[in-house]
C-alpha atoms as a PDB file:
ATOM      1  CA  MET A   1     229.870  85.411-201.008  1.00  0.00           C
ATOM      2  CA  PHE A   2     228.310  82.285-199.544  1.00  0.00           C
ATOM      3  CA  PRO A   3     226.515  79.972-201.983  1.00  0.00           C
ATOM      4  CA  SER A   4     223.742  79.427-199.472  1.00  0.00           C
ATOM      5  CA  GLY A   5     222.555  83.011-199.599  1.00  0.00           C
ATOM      6  CA  SER A   6     220.080  82.410-202.451  1.00  0.00           C
ATOM      7  CA  ILE A   7     218.751  79.081-201.138  1.00  0.00           C
ATOM      8  CA  ASP A   8     215.636  78.898-199.003  1.00  0.00           C
ATOM      9  CA  ARG A   9     215.818  76.015-196.536  1.00  0.00           C
ATOM     10  CA  LEU A  10     212.063  75.434-196.762  1.00  0.00           C
ATOM     11  CA  THR A  11     212.183  74.829-200.534  1.00  0.00           C
ATOM     12  CA  LEU A  12     214.858  72.139-200.435  1.00  0.00           C
ATOM     13  CA  LEU A  13     212.382  69.351-199.689  1.00  0.00           C
ATOM     14  CA  GLU A  14     209.725  68.287-202.164  1.00  0.00           C
ATOM     15  CA  ASN A  15     206.088  68.278-201.128  1.00  0.00           C
ATOM     16  CA  ASN A  16     204.950  64.965-199.648  1.00  0.00           C
ATOM     17  CA  TRP A  17     208.407  63.444-200.047  1.00  0.00           C
ATOM     18  CA  GLU A  18     207.792  61.287-196.971  1.00  0.00           C
ATOM     19  CA  LYS A  19     205.315  59.090-198.878  1.00  0.00           C
ATOM     20  CA  ASN A  20     208.032  57.497-201.007  1.00  0.00           C
ATOM     21  CA  ALA A  21     210.766  57.622-198.369  1.00  0.00           C
ATOM     22  CA  SER A  22     212.206  54.673-196.511  1.00  0.00           C
ATOM     23  CA  TYR A  23     211.940  54.667-192.731  1.00  0.00           C
ATOM     24  CA  ILE A  24     214.156  53.713-189.813  1.00  0.00           C
ATOM     25  CA  TRP A  25     212.843  53.860-186.229  1.00  0.00           C
ATOM     26  CA  GLY A  26     209.847  55.736-187.624  1.00  0.00           C
ATOM     27  CA  ILE A  27     212.064  58.487-189.075  1.00  0.00           C
ATOM     28  CA  PRO A  28     211.641  59.219-192.820  1.00  0.00           C
ATOM     29  CA  LEU A  29     214.911  59.135-194.770  1.00  0.00           C
ATOM     30  CA  HIS A  30     215.317  61.452-197.746  1.00  0.00           C
ATOM     31  CA  PRO A  31     216.958  59.711-200.764  1.00  0.00           C
ATOM     32  CA  LEU A  32     219.556  62.482-201.117  1.00  0.00           C
ATOM     33  CA  GLY A  33     220.606  61.923-197.520  1.00  0.00           C
ATOM     34  CA  GLU A  34     221.350  58.247-198.129  1.00  0.00           C
ATOM     35  CA  MET A  35     224.190  59.042-200.554  1.00  0.00           C
ATOM     36  CA  ASN A  36     227.815  59.685-199.758  1.00  0.00           C
ATOM     37  CA  ALA A  37     229.886  62.414-201.390  1.00  0.00           C
ATOM     38  CA  ILE A  38     231.308  60.280-204.207  1.00  0.00           C
ATOM     39  CA  THR A  39     227.909  58.928-205.235  1.00  0.00           C
ATOM     40  CA  TYR A  40     226.361  62.389-205.227  1.00  0.00           C
ATOM     41  CA  VAL A  41     229.134  63.898-207.379  1.00  0.00           C
ATOM     42  CA  LEU A  42     229.129  61.035-209.896  1.00  0.00           C
ATOM     43  CA  GLN A  43     225.376  61.338-210.232  1.00  0.00           C
ATOM     44  CA  ALA A  44     225.985  64.579-212.173  1.00  0.00           C
ATOM     45  CA  GLN A  45     228.760  63.253-214.433  1.00  0.00           C
ATOM     46  CA  ASP A  46     226.739  64.128-217.547  1.00  0.00           C
ATOM     47  CA  ASP A  47     226.605  67.793-216.479  1.00  0.00           C
ATOM     48  CA  LEU A  48     230.130  69.163-216.056  1.00  0.00           C
ATOM     49  CA  ALA A  49     229.039  72.474-214.497  1.00  0.00           C
ATOM     50  CA  GLN A  50     226.817  70.725-211.955  1.00  0.00           C
ATOM     51  CA  MET A  51     229.549  68.219-211.187  1.00  0.00           C
ATOM     52  CA  ARG A  52     232.029  71.026-210.515  1.00  0.00           C
ATOM     53  CA  LEU A  53     229.526  72.791-208.276  1.00  0.00           C
ATOM     54  CA  ARG A  54     228.943  69.656-206.223  1.00  0.00           C
ATOM     55  CA  THR A  55     232.676  68.987-205.993  1.00  0.00           C
ATOM     56  CA  HIS A  56     233.279  72.539-204.788  1.00  0.00           C
ATOM     57  CA  GLY A  57     230.896  72.052-201.880  1.00  0.00           C
ATOM     58  CA  PHE A  58     232.531  68.831-200.756  1.00  0.00           C
ATOM     59  CA  MET A  59     236.025  70.270-201.094  1.00  0.00           C
ATOM     60  CA  LEU A  60     234.984  73.041-198.715  1.00  0.00           C
ATOM     61  CA  GLN A  61     233.584  70.522-196.247  1.00  0.00           C
ATOM     62  CA  ALA A  62     236.694  68.337-196.578  1.00  0.00           C
ATOM     63  CA  LEU A  63     238.898  71.311-195.716  1.00  0.00           C
ATOM     64  CA  ILE A  64     236.781  72.137-192.673  1.00  0.00           C
ATOM     65  CA  ASN A  65     236.782  68.506-191.539  1.00  0.00           C
ATOM     66  CA  THR A  66     240.566  68.314-191.868  1.00  0.00           C
ATOM     67  CA  VAL A  67     241.032  71.322-189.603  1.00  0.00           C
ATOM     68  CA  ILE A  68     238.515  69.897-187.136  1.00  0.00           C
ATOM     69  CA  SER A  69     240.335  66.554-187.118  1.00  0.00           C
ATOM     70  CA  VAL A  70     243.672  68.153-186.266  1.00  0.00           C
ATOM     71  CA  ILE A  71     242.166  70.199-183.435  1.00  0.00           C
ATOM     72  CA  PHE A  72     240.308  67.275-181.883  1.00  0.00           C
ATOM     73  CA  VAL A  73     243.352  64.989-182.121  1.00  0.00           C
ATOM     74  CA  ARG A  74     245.342  67.622-180.246  1.00  0.00           C
ATOM     75  CA  ASN A  75     242.589  67.935-177.638  1.00  0.00           C
ATOM     76  CA  PHE A  76     242.460  64.160-177.274  1.00  0.00           C
ATOM     77  CA  ILE A  77     246.208  63.921-176.634  1.00  0.00           C
ATOM     78  CA  LEU A  78     246.043  66.657-174.010  1.00  0.00           C
ATOM     79  CA  SER A  79     242.981  65.030-172.424  1.00  0.00           C
ATOM     80  CA  VAL A  80     244.828  61.731-172.082  1.00  0.00           C
ATOM     81  CA  ARG A  81     247.656  63.544-170.299  1.00  0.00           C
ATOM     82  CA  ILE A  82     245.146  65.144-167.954  1.00  0.00           C
ATOM     83  CA  MET A  83     243.597  61.768-167.197  1.00  0.00           C
ATOM     84  CA  ARG A  84     246.994  60.262-166.429  1.00  0.00           C
ATOM     85  CA  GLN A  85     247.690  63.029-163.923  1.00  0.00           C
ATOM     86  CA  SER A  86     244.215  63.056-162.345  1.00  0.00           C
ATOM     87  CA  PRO A  87     242.335  59.872-163.288  1.00  0.00           C
ATOM     88  CA  PHE A  88     239.398  60.625-160.976  1.00  0.00           C
ATOM     89  CA  ALA A  89     238.853  64.280-161.934  1.00  0.00           C
ATOM     90  CA  LEU A  90     235.443  65.026-163.434  1.00  0.00           C
ATOM     91  CA  ALA A  91     236.851  67.738-165.698  1.00  0.00           C
ATOM     92  CA  GLY A  92     239.389  65.327-167.163  1.00  0.00           C
ATOM     93  CA  TRP A  93     236.727  62.784-168.065  1.00  0.00           C
ATOM     94  CA  CYS A  94     234.569  65.477-169.664  1.00  0.00           C
ATOM     95  CA  CYS A  95     237.516  66.689-171.742  1.00  0.00           C
ATOM     96  CA  LEU A  96     238.285  63.149-172.852  1.00  0.00           C
ATOM     97  CA  LEU A  97     234.685  62.278-173.748  1.00  0.00           C
ATOM     98  CA  GLN A  98     234.067  65.326-175.889  1.00  0.00           C
ATOM     99  CA  ALA A  99     237.472  65.045-177.578  1.00  0.00           C
ATOM    100  CA  MET A 100     236.714  61.420-178.460  1.00  0.00           C
ATOM    101  CA  ALA A 101     233.301  62.453-179.795  1.00  0.00           C
ATOM    102  CA  GLY A 102     234.940  65.129-181.941  1.00  0.00           C
ATOM    103  CA  MET A 103     237.528  62.694-183.296  1.00  0.00           C
ATOM    104  CA  THR A 104     234.788  60.188-184.118  1.00  0.00           C
ATOM    105  CA  PHE A 105     232.737  62.778-185.973  1.00  0.00           C
ATOM    106  CA  ALA A 106     235.725  64.134-187.911  1.00  0.00           C
ATOM    107  CA  GLY A 107     236.889  60.631-188.832  1.00  0.00           C
ATOM    108  CA  ILE A 108     233.454  59.501-190.026  1.00  0.00           C
ATOM    109  CA  ALA A 109     233.002  62.753-191.961  1.00  0.00           C
ATOM    110  CA  MET A 110     236.324  62.252-193.760  1.00  0.00           C
ATOM    111  CA  MET A 111     235.337  58.677-194.630  1.00  0.00           C
ATOM    112  CA  GLY A 112     232.270  60.093-196.383  1.00  0.00           C
ATOM    113  CA  PHE A 113     234.528  61.267-199.216  1.00  0.00           C
ATOM    114  CA  VAL A 114     235.695  57.770-200.142  1.00  0.00           C
ATOM    115  CA  PRO A 115     233.781  55.099-202.114  1.00  0.00           C
ATOM    116  CA  SER A 116     231.424  53.026-199.956  1.00  0.00           C
ATOM    117  CA  GLY A 117     231.830  55.581-197.175  1.00  0.00           C
ATOM    118  CA  PRO A 118     229.090  56.607-194.724  1.00  0.00           C
ATOM    119  CA  SER A 119     226.070  58.454-196.043  1.00  0.00           C
ATOM    120  CA  CYS A 120     225.196  62.070-195.361  1.00  0.00           C
ATOM    121  CA  ARG A 121     222.589  60.985-192.810  1.00  0.00           C
ATOM    122  CA  GLN A 122     225.016  58.776-190.914  1.00  0.00           C
ATOM    123  CA  VAL A 123     227.570  61.587-190.685  1.00  0.00           C
ATOM    124  CA  LEU A 124     225.031  64.114-189.420  1.00  0.00           C
ATOM    125  CA  TRP A 125     223.509  61.692-186.938  1.00  0.00           C
ATOM    126  CA  ILE A 126     226.948  61.210-185.402  1.00  0.00           C
ATOM    127  CA  ALA A 127     227.410  64.981-185.447  1.00  0.00           C
ATOM    128  CA  GLY A 128     224.085  65.377-183.642  1.00  0.00           C
ATOM    129  CA  ALA A 129     225.228  63.012-180.903  1.00  0.00           C
ATOM    130  CA  GLY A 130     228.540  64.842-180.538  1.00  0.00           C
ATOM    131  CA  LEU A 131     226.901  68.263-180.564  1.00  0.00           C
ATOM    132  CA  THR A 132     224.699  67.088-177.714  1.00  0.00           C
ATOM    133  CA  LEU A 133     227.454  65.457-175.681  1.00  0.00           C
ATOM    134  CA  SER A 134     229.889  68.368-175.988  1.00  0.00           C
ATOM    135  CA  PRO A 135     227.795  71.163-174.406  1.00  0.00           C
ATOM    136  CA  PHE A 136     226.603  68.692-171.776  1.00  0.00           C
ATOM    137  CA  CYS A 137     230.210  67.948-170.774  1.00  0.00           C
ATOM    138  CA  ILE A 138     231.204  71.606-170.862  1.00  0.00           C
ATOM    139  CA  SER A 139     228.215  72.732-168.817  1.00  0.00           C
ATOM    140  CA  THR A 140     228.944  69.975-166.308  1.00  0.00           C
ATOM    141  CA  VAL A 141     232.485  71.266-165.775  1.00  0.00           C
ATOM    142  CA  LEU A 142     231.371  74.895-165.615  1.00  0.00           C
ATOM    143  CA  LEU A 143     228.648  73.994-163.159  1.00  0.00           C
ATOM    144  CA  GLN A 144     231.134  72.168-160.965  1.00  0.00           C
ATOM    145  CA  ARG A 145     233.479  75.172-160.979  1.00  0.00           C
ATOM    146  CA  ALA A 146     230.666  77.583-160.148  1.00  0.00           C
ATOM    147  CA  TYR A 147     229.526  75.257-157.372  1.00  0.00           C
ATOM    148  CA  LEU A 148     233.017  75.162-155.857  1.00  0.00           C
ATOM    149  CA  ALA A 149     233.631  78.882-156.373  1.00  0.00           C
ATOM    150  CA  HIS A 150     230.556  79.667-154.297  1.00  0.00           C
ATOM    151  CA  ASN A 151     231.573  77.443-151.404  1.00  0.00           C
ATOM    152  CA  ARG A 152     229.510  74.443-152.533  1.00  0.00           C
ATOM    153  CA  ASN A 153     226.236  76.314-152.805  1.00  0.00           C
ATOM    154  CA  ARG A 154     223.621  73.598-153.294  1.00  0.00           C
ATOM    155  CA  TYR A 155     221.127  75.949-154.908  1.00  0.00           C
ATOM    156  CA  ILE A 156     223.529  76.554-157.803  1.00  0.00           C
ATOM    157  CA  LEU A 157     224.115  72.818-158.143  1.00  0.00           C
ATOM    158  CA  ILE A 158     220.415  71.902-158.127  1.00  0.00           C
ATOM    159  CA  LEU A 159     219.317  74.698-160.447  1.00  0.00           C
ATOM    160  CA  GLY A 160     222.218  74.011-162.806  1.00  0.00           C
ATOM    161  CA  ALA A 161     221.396  70.300-162.947  1.00  0.00           C
ATOM    162  CA  VAL A 162     217.755  71.063-163.765  1.00  0.00           C
ATOM    163  CA  LEU A 163     218.806  73.364-166.607  1.00  0.00           C
ATOM    164  CA  LEU A 164     221.480  70.952-167.822  1.00  0.00           C
ATOM    165  CA  PHE A 165     219.403  67.973-168.917  1.00  0.00           C
ATOM    166  CA  PRO A 166     217.201  69.783-171.507  1.00  0.00           C
ATOM    167  CA  GLN A 167     220.366  70.092-173.633  1.00  0.00           C
ATOM    168  CA  LEU A 168     219.893  66.425-174.537  1.00  0.00           C
ATOM    169  CA  LEU A 169     216.793  67.421-176.510  1.00  0.00           C
ATOM    170  CA  TYR A 170     218.939  68.664-179.397  1.00  0.00           C
ATOM    171  CA  ALA A 171     219.935  65.107-180.346  1.00  0.00           C
ATOM    172  CA  TYR A 172     216.275  64.240-180.942  1.00  0.00           C
ATOM    173  CA  TYR A 173     215.783  67.060-183.446  1.00  0.00           C
ATOM    174  CA  ALA A 174     219.142  66.365-185.077  1.00  0.00           C
ATOM    175  CA  TRP A 175     218.062  62.798-185.817  1.00  0.00           C
ATOM    176  CA  ILE A 176     214.484  63.424-186.967  1.00  0.00           C
ATOM    177  CA  SER A 177     215.443  66.295-189.303  1.00  0.00           C
ATOM    178  CA  PRO A 178     215.881  65.232-192.959  1.00  0.00           C
ATOM    179  CA  THR A 179     219.428  65.229-194.314  1.00  0.00           C
ATOM    180  CA  ILE A 180     220.115  66.050-197.954  1.00  0.00           C
ATOM    181  CA  MET A 181     222.861  67.015-200.383  1.00  0.00           C
ATOM    182  CA  VAL A 182     222.905  70.573-201.759  1.00  0.00           C
ATOM    183  CA  PRO A 183     225.049  71.652-204.751  1.00  0.00           C
ATOM    184  CA  GLY A 184     227.821  74.029-203.750  1.00  0.00           C
ATOM    185  CA  ILE A 185     227.434  73.230-200.047  1.00  0.00           C
ATOM    186  CA  GLY A 186     227.373  69.481-199.548  1.00  0.00           C
ATOM    187  CA  CYS A 187     225.727  67.519-196.770  1.00  0.00           C
ATOM    188  CA  ILE A 188     223.333  69.524-194.582  1.00  0.00           C
ATOM    189  CA  SER A 189     220.456  69.010-192.190  1.00  0.00           C
ATOM    190  CA  CYS A 190     217.020  70.444-193.019  1.00  0.00           C
ATOM    191  CA  TYR A 191     215.938  71.097-189.468  1.00  0.00           C
ATOM    192  CA  PRO A 192     212.851  73.249-188.815  1.00  0.00           C
ATOM    193  CA  PRO A 193     213.465  77.009-188.515  1.00  0.00           C
ATOM    194  CA  TYR A 194     212.735  76.974-184.788  1.00  0.00           C
ATOM    195  CA  VAL A 195     215.486  74.468-183.892  1.00  0.00           C
ATOM    196  CA  PRO A 196     218.325  77.034-183.521  1.00  0.00           C
ATOM    197  CA  TRP A 197     216.068  79.211-181.388  1.00  0.00           C
ATOM    198  CA  MET A 198     215.080  76.180-179.337  1.00  0.00           C
ATOM    199  CA  LYS A 199     218.712  75.299-178.696  1.00  0.00           C
ATOM    200  CA  LEU A 200     219.448  78.902-177.804  1.00  0.00           C
ATOM    201  CA  CYS A 201     216.595  78.850-175.291  1.00  0.00           C
ATOM    202  CA  ILE A 202     217.888  75.579-173.866  1.00  0.00           C
ATOM    203  CA  ASP A 203     221.483  76.789-173.561  1.00  0.00           C
ATOM    204  CA  ALA A 204     220.778  80.377-172.489  1.00  0.00           C
ATOM    205  CA  PRO A 205     219.430  79.723-168.951  1.00  0.00           C
ATOM    206  CA  ILE A 206     222.402  77.672-167.782  1.00  0.00           C
ATOM    207  CA  ASN A 207     224.825  80.031-169.552  1.00  0.00           C
ATOM    208  CA  ILE A 208     223.266  83.009-167.797  1.00  0.00           C
ATOM    209  CA  LEU A 209     223.408  81.172-164.478  1.00  0.00           C
ATOM    210  CA  LEU A 210     227.084  80.345-164.904  1.00  0.00           C
ATOM    211  CA  SER A 211     227.906  83.832-166.192  1.00  0.00           C
ATOM    212  CA  VAL A 212     226.302  85.439-163.147  1.00  0.00           C
ATOM    213  CA  ALA A 213     228.138  82.993-160.897  1.00  0.00           C
ATOM    214  CA  PHE A 214     231.489  83.883-162.452  1.00  0.00           C
ATOM    215  CA  ILE A 215     230.796  87.631-162.391  1.00  0.00           C
ATOM    216  CA  LEU A 216     230.057  87.387-158.684  1.00  0.00           C
ATOM    217  CA  VAL A 217     233.396  85.662-158.158  1.00  0.00           C
ATOM    218  CA  VAL A 218     235.159  88.367-160.178  1.00  0.00           C
ATOM    219  CA  TYR A 219     233.462  91.112-158.193  1.00  0.00           C
ATOM    220  CA  ARG A 220     234.196  89.449-154.874  1.00  0.00           C
ATOM    221  CA  GLN A 221     237.883  89.006-155.663  1.00  0.00           C
ATOM    222  CA  TYR A 222     238.093  92.548-157.026  1.00  0.00           C
ATOM    223  CA  ARG A 223     236.700  93.871-153.749  1.00  0.00           C
ATOM    224  CA  GLN A 224     239.263  91.829-151.824  1.00  0.00           C
ATOM    225  CA  PHE A 225     242.388  92.100-153.972  1.00  0.00           C
ATOM    226  CA  GLY A 226     241.858  95.198-156.112  1.00  0.00           C
ATOM    227  CA  SER A 227     244.068  95.245-159.207  1.00  0.00           C
ATOM    228  CA  ALA A 228     245.409  91.758-158.438  1.00  0.00           C
ATOM    229  CA  ALA A 229     242.007  90.172-159.051  1.00  0.00           C
ATOM    230  CA  TRP A 230     242.568  89.355-162.730  1.00  0.00           C
ATOM    231  CA  ALA A 231     245.928  87.771-161.973  1.00  0.00           C
ATOM    232  CA  ARG A 232     244.226  85.410-159.555  1.00  0.00           C
ATOM    233  CA  LEU A 233     241.410  84.716-161.999  1.00  0.00           C
ATOM    234  CA  VAL A 234     243.937  83.658-164.621  1.00  0.00           C
ATOM    235  CA  HIS A 235     245.290  81.055-162.196  1.00  0.00           C
ATOM    236  CA  ASP A 236     241.799  79.858-161.322  1.00  0.00           C
ATOM    237  CA  GLY A 237     240.857  79.483-164.992  1.00  0.00           C
ATOM    238  CA  ILE A 238     237.713  81.564-164.624  1.00  0.00           C
ATOM    239  CA  GLN A 239     238.607  83.747-167.594  1.00  0.00           C
ATOM    240  CA  ILE A 240     238.689  80.686-169.831  1.00  0.00           C
ATOM    241  CA  MET A 241     235.355  79.510-168.476  1.00  0.00           C
ATOM    242  CA  CYS A 242     233.839  82.894-169.281  1.00  0.00           C
ATOM    243  CA  LEU A 243     235.141  82.592-172.851  1.00  0.00           C
ATOM    244  CA  ILE A 244     233.435  79.213-173.127  1.00  0.00           C
ATOM    245  CA  VAL A 245     230.111  80.726-172.102  1.00  0.00           C
ATOM    246  CA  VAL A 246     230.516  83.679-174.495  1.00  0.00           C
ATOM    247  CA  SER A 247     231.462  81.394-177.399  1.00  0.00           C
ATOM    248  CA  ASN A 248     228.391  79.269-176.862  1.00  0.00           C
ATOM    249  CA  LEU A 249     226.031  82.226-176.709  1.00  0.00           C
ATOM    250  CA  VAL A 250     227.496  84.014-179.743  1.00  0.00           C
ATOM    251  CA  CYS A 251     227.537  80.912-181.958  1.00  0.00           C
ATOM    252  CA  MET A 252     223.976  79.966-181.031  1.00  0.00           C
ATOM    253  CA  ILE A 253     222.730  83.470-181.814  1.00  0.00           C
ATOM    254  CA  PHE A 254     224.479  83.470-185.208  1.00  0.00           C
ATOM    255  CA  ALA A 255     222.993  80.065-186.015  1.00  0.00           C
ATOM    256  CA  ALA A 256     219.542  81.166-184.887  1.00  0.00           C
ATOM    257  CA  VAL A 257     219.473  84.273-187.093  1.00  0.00           C
ATOM    258  CA  GLU A 258     220.861  82.291-190.079  1.00  0.00           C
ATOM    259  CA  LEU A 259     223.748  84.734-190.449  1.00  0.00           C
ATOM    260  CA  ILE A 260     225.216  82.960-193.496  1.00  0.00           C
ATOM    261  CA  GLY A 261     222.161  81.119-194.753  1.00  0.00           C
ATOM    262  CA  LEU A 262     222.299  77.332-194.914  1.00  0.00           C
ATOM    263  CA  LEU A 263     225.931  77.376-193.858  1.00  0.00           C
ATOM    264  CA  SER A 264     224.838  78.841-190.523  1.00  0.00           C
ATOM    265  CA  GLU A 265     224.535  75.344-189.099  1.00  0.00           C
ATOM    266  CA  PHE A 266     228.340  75.225-189.110  1.00  0.00           C
ATOM    267  CA  PHE A 267     228.221  77.624-186.161  1.00  0.00           C
ATOM    268  CA  PHE A 268     227.167  74.607-184.094  1.00  0.00           C
ATOM    269  CA  VAL A 269     230.379  72.837-185.102  1.00  0.00           C
ATOM    270  CA  LEU A 270     232.422  76.007-184.592  1.00  0.00           C
ATOM    271  CA  ASP A 271     231.129  76.312-181.049  1.00  0.00           C
ATOM    272  CA  TRP A 272     231.939  72.638-180.487  1.00  0.00           C
ATOM    273  CA  VAL A 273     235.551  73.097-181.618  1.00  0.00           C
ATOM    274  CA  VAL A 274     236.147  76.382-179.788  1.00  0.00           C
ATOM    275  CA  THR A 275     234.627  75.329-176.479  1.00  0.00           C
ATOM    276  CA  SER A 276     236.346  71.943-176.585  1.00  0.00           C
ATOM    277  CA  THR A 277     239.716  73.619-177.058  1.00  0.00           C
ATOM    278  CA  LEU A 278     239.035  76.159-174.319  1.00  0.00           C
ATOM    279  CA  LEU A 279     237.896  73.467-171.898  1.00  0.00           C
ATOM    280  CA  VAL A 280     241.017  71.369-172.491  1.00  0.00           C
ATOM    281  CA  ARG A 281     243.206  74.440-172.089  1.00  0.00           C
ATOM    282  CA  HIS A 282     241.418  75.275-168.856  1.00  0.00           C
ATOM    283  CA  CYS A 283     241.966  71.769-167.470  1.00  0.00           C
ATOM    284  CA  VAL A 284     245.637  71.790-168.486  1.00  0.00           C
ATOM    285  CA  ARG A 285     246.263  75.151-166.827  1.00  0.00           C
ATOM    286  CA  MET A 286     244.368  74.190-163.705  1.00  0.00           C
ATOM    287  CA  GLY A 287     246.366  70.970-163.463  1.00  0.00           C
ATOM    288  CA  ALA A 288     249.659  72.789-163.959  1.00  0.00           C
ATOM    289  CA  THR A 289     248.725  75.374-161.349  1.00  0.00           C
ATOM    290  CA  SER A 290     247.568  72.797-158.819  1.00  0.00           C
ATOM    291  CA  SER A 291     250.795  70.815-159.189  1.00  0.00           C
ATOM    292  CA  LYS A 292     252.761  73.885-158.102  1.00  0.00           C
ATOM    293  CA  VAL A 293     250.704  74.485-154.974  1.00  0.00           C
ATOM    294  CA  THR A 294     252.409  73.340-151.804  1.00  0.00           C
ATOM    295  CA  PRO A 295     250.760  72.785-148.413  1.00  0.00           C
ATOM    296  CA  THR A 296     252.111  76.170-147.310  1.00  0.00           C
ATOM    297  CA  GLN A 297     252.625  78.768-150.014  1.00  0.00           C
ATOM    298  CA  HIS A 298     253.447  82.450-149.605  1.00  0.00           C
ATOM    299  CA  ILE A 299     252.060  85.095-151.919  1.00  0.00           C
ATOM    300  CA  ARG A 300     253.333  88.656-151.790  1.00  0.00           C
ATOM    301  CA  ILE A 301     250.679  91.326-152.087  1.00  0.00           C
ATOM    302  CA  PRO A 302     250.787  95.115-151.793  1.00  0.00           C
ATOM    303  CA  GLU A 303     250.417  96.689-148.362  1.00  0.00           C
ATOM    304  CA  GLU A 304     247.304  98.586-149.447  1.00  0.00           C
ATOM    305  CA  ALA A 305     245.647  95.320-150.485  1.00  0.00           C
ATOM    306  CA  VAL A 306     246.430  93.737-147.126  1.00  0.00           C
ATOM    307  CA  ALA A 307     244.662  96.577-145.368  1.00  0.00           C
ATOM    308  CA  HIS A 308     241.399  95.505-146.968  1.00  0.00           C
ATOM    309  CA  LEU A 309     241.745  91.825-146.101  1.00  0.00           C
ATOM    310  CA  GLU A 310     240.315  90.178-143.053  1.00  0.00           C
ATOM    311  CA  THR A 311     242.674  88.143-140.932  1.00  0.00           C
ATOM    312  CA  THR A 312     241.040  84.914-142.046  1.00  0.00           C
ATOM    313  CA  THR A 313     238.854  84.529-145.117  1.00  0.00           C
ATOM    314  CA  SER A 314     237.657  81.785-147.393  1.00  0.00           C
ATOM    315  CA  VAL A 315     238.129  82.100-151.162  1.00  0.00           C
ATOM    316  CA  PHE A 316     238.272  79.944-154.242  1.00  0.00           C
ATOM    317  CA  VAL A 317     241.943  79.404-155.134  1.00  0.00           C
ATOM    318  CA  HIS A 318     243.505  77.127-157.770  1.00  0.00           C
ATOM    319  CA  GLY A 319     240.281  75.209-158.387  1.00  0.00           C
ATOM    320  CA  LEU A 320     239.925  74.103-154.763  1.00  0.00           C
ATOM    321  CA  ALA A 321     236.687  74.424-152.843  1.00  0.00           C
ATOM    322  CA  SER A 322     238.106  76.758-150.202  1.00  0.00           C
ATOM    323  CA  THR A 323     241.471  77.843-148.880  1.00  0.00           C
ATOM    324  CA  GLU A 324     242.290  79.606-145.653  1.00  0.00           C
ATOM    325  CA  LEU A 325     244.372  82.765-145.930  1.00  0.00           C
ATOM    326  CA  ARG A 326     246.224  84.226-142.984  1.00  0.00           C
ATOM    327  CA  SER A 327     248.015  87.550-142.890  1.00  0.00           C
ATOM    328  CA  THR A 328     251.505  87.223-141.365  1.00  0.00           C
ATOM    329  CA  TYR A 329     254.851  89.006-141.133  1.00  0.00           C
ATOM    330  CA  ARG A 330     257.983  87.197-142.264  1.00  0.00           C
ATOM    331  CA  GLY A 331     261.356  88.736-142.859  1.00  0.00           C
ATOM    332  CA  GLY A 332     259.981  92.240-142.466  1.00  0.00           C
ATOM    333  CA  ARG A 333     257.461  91.693-145.302  1.00  0.00           C
ATOM    334  CA  ARG A 334     253.753  91.201-144.996  1.00  0.00           C
ATOM    335  CA  ARG A 335     252.608  88.051-146.802  1.00  0.00           C
ATOM    336  CA  LEU A 336     249.614  85.790-147.116  1.00  0.00           C
ATOM    337  CA  MET A 337     249.965  82.215-145.975  1.00  0.00           C
ATOM    338  CA  ILE A 338     247.770  79.691-147.786  1.00  0.00           C
ATOM    339  CA  ARG A 339     246.994  76.645-145.684  1.00  0.00           C
END
């Protein structure tokens, strides 16, 4: 049972609390948000039950932050390897940027549990920046892949770019929303109820666009290669990209409907971790596949599949914009030659 189930987000802030609050950049700062974990726990040292409740919340957050730290460190190491192999690849830079943002957030969050560590507000402001940068990087990579998969269709690129930039709006709401400490939970953001729905509406259009783009690629390859379509999609990394889109949509819906009460905001972080890992895995697999591609490579396919292929066709193979396939006979076997 989640401790947030009996807490109403709207009742956590006192009436007219802004009058006595300090301000930075015109943003009111709640006093409970200016504490770190140690200060907040010691504030209840005269009440043992309350002190235990507060400690329980921070222990839960510390465990989550530890897991997040390990995952982002792994993603960072893999991203560095990708950058060393392809220093000018857009996907590699996006992987590296979001992994660095995740490491920064996890490190700052862990420092919040030590004396003189960052306050709750400082941790969540950094989280807001990372939660804005991560989907922006992921959508950029997905948009690039969809653009290449559809033979550099400029309409997809332009429409995707228009739908991409509203994602930056989340950082604004993450910073203006009051941050406070809650017993049994820890440091949370008291954003307005419409913020999860707003983010869902911002993310949904570009996710739908990319999903439709990928489904069209799947359908096109299925029509051309039959049962071999999924094998080719694995090599192209499109399955992983679809998982990224699904993860984003599911997590945003769960956060919007407040599935687990106040803890529902952790779905934002969950989506960040999952999509970051999937994106890095996608880039690693694409790099490994591309390194095995030679200027002339032969792929055996069934005779019945060849019957449905044109002599020359253009498809999206191994992350490249287009590849020319020619049907030839060699050694008594029909093969496809990729040039």
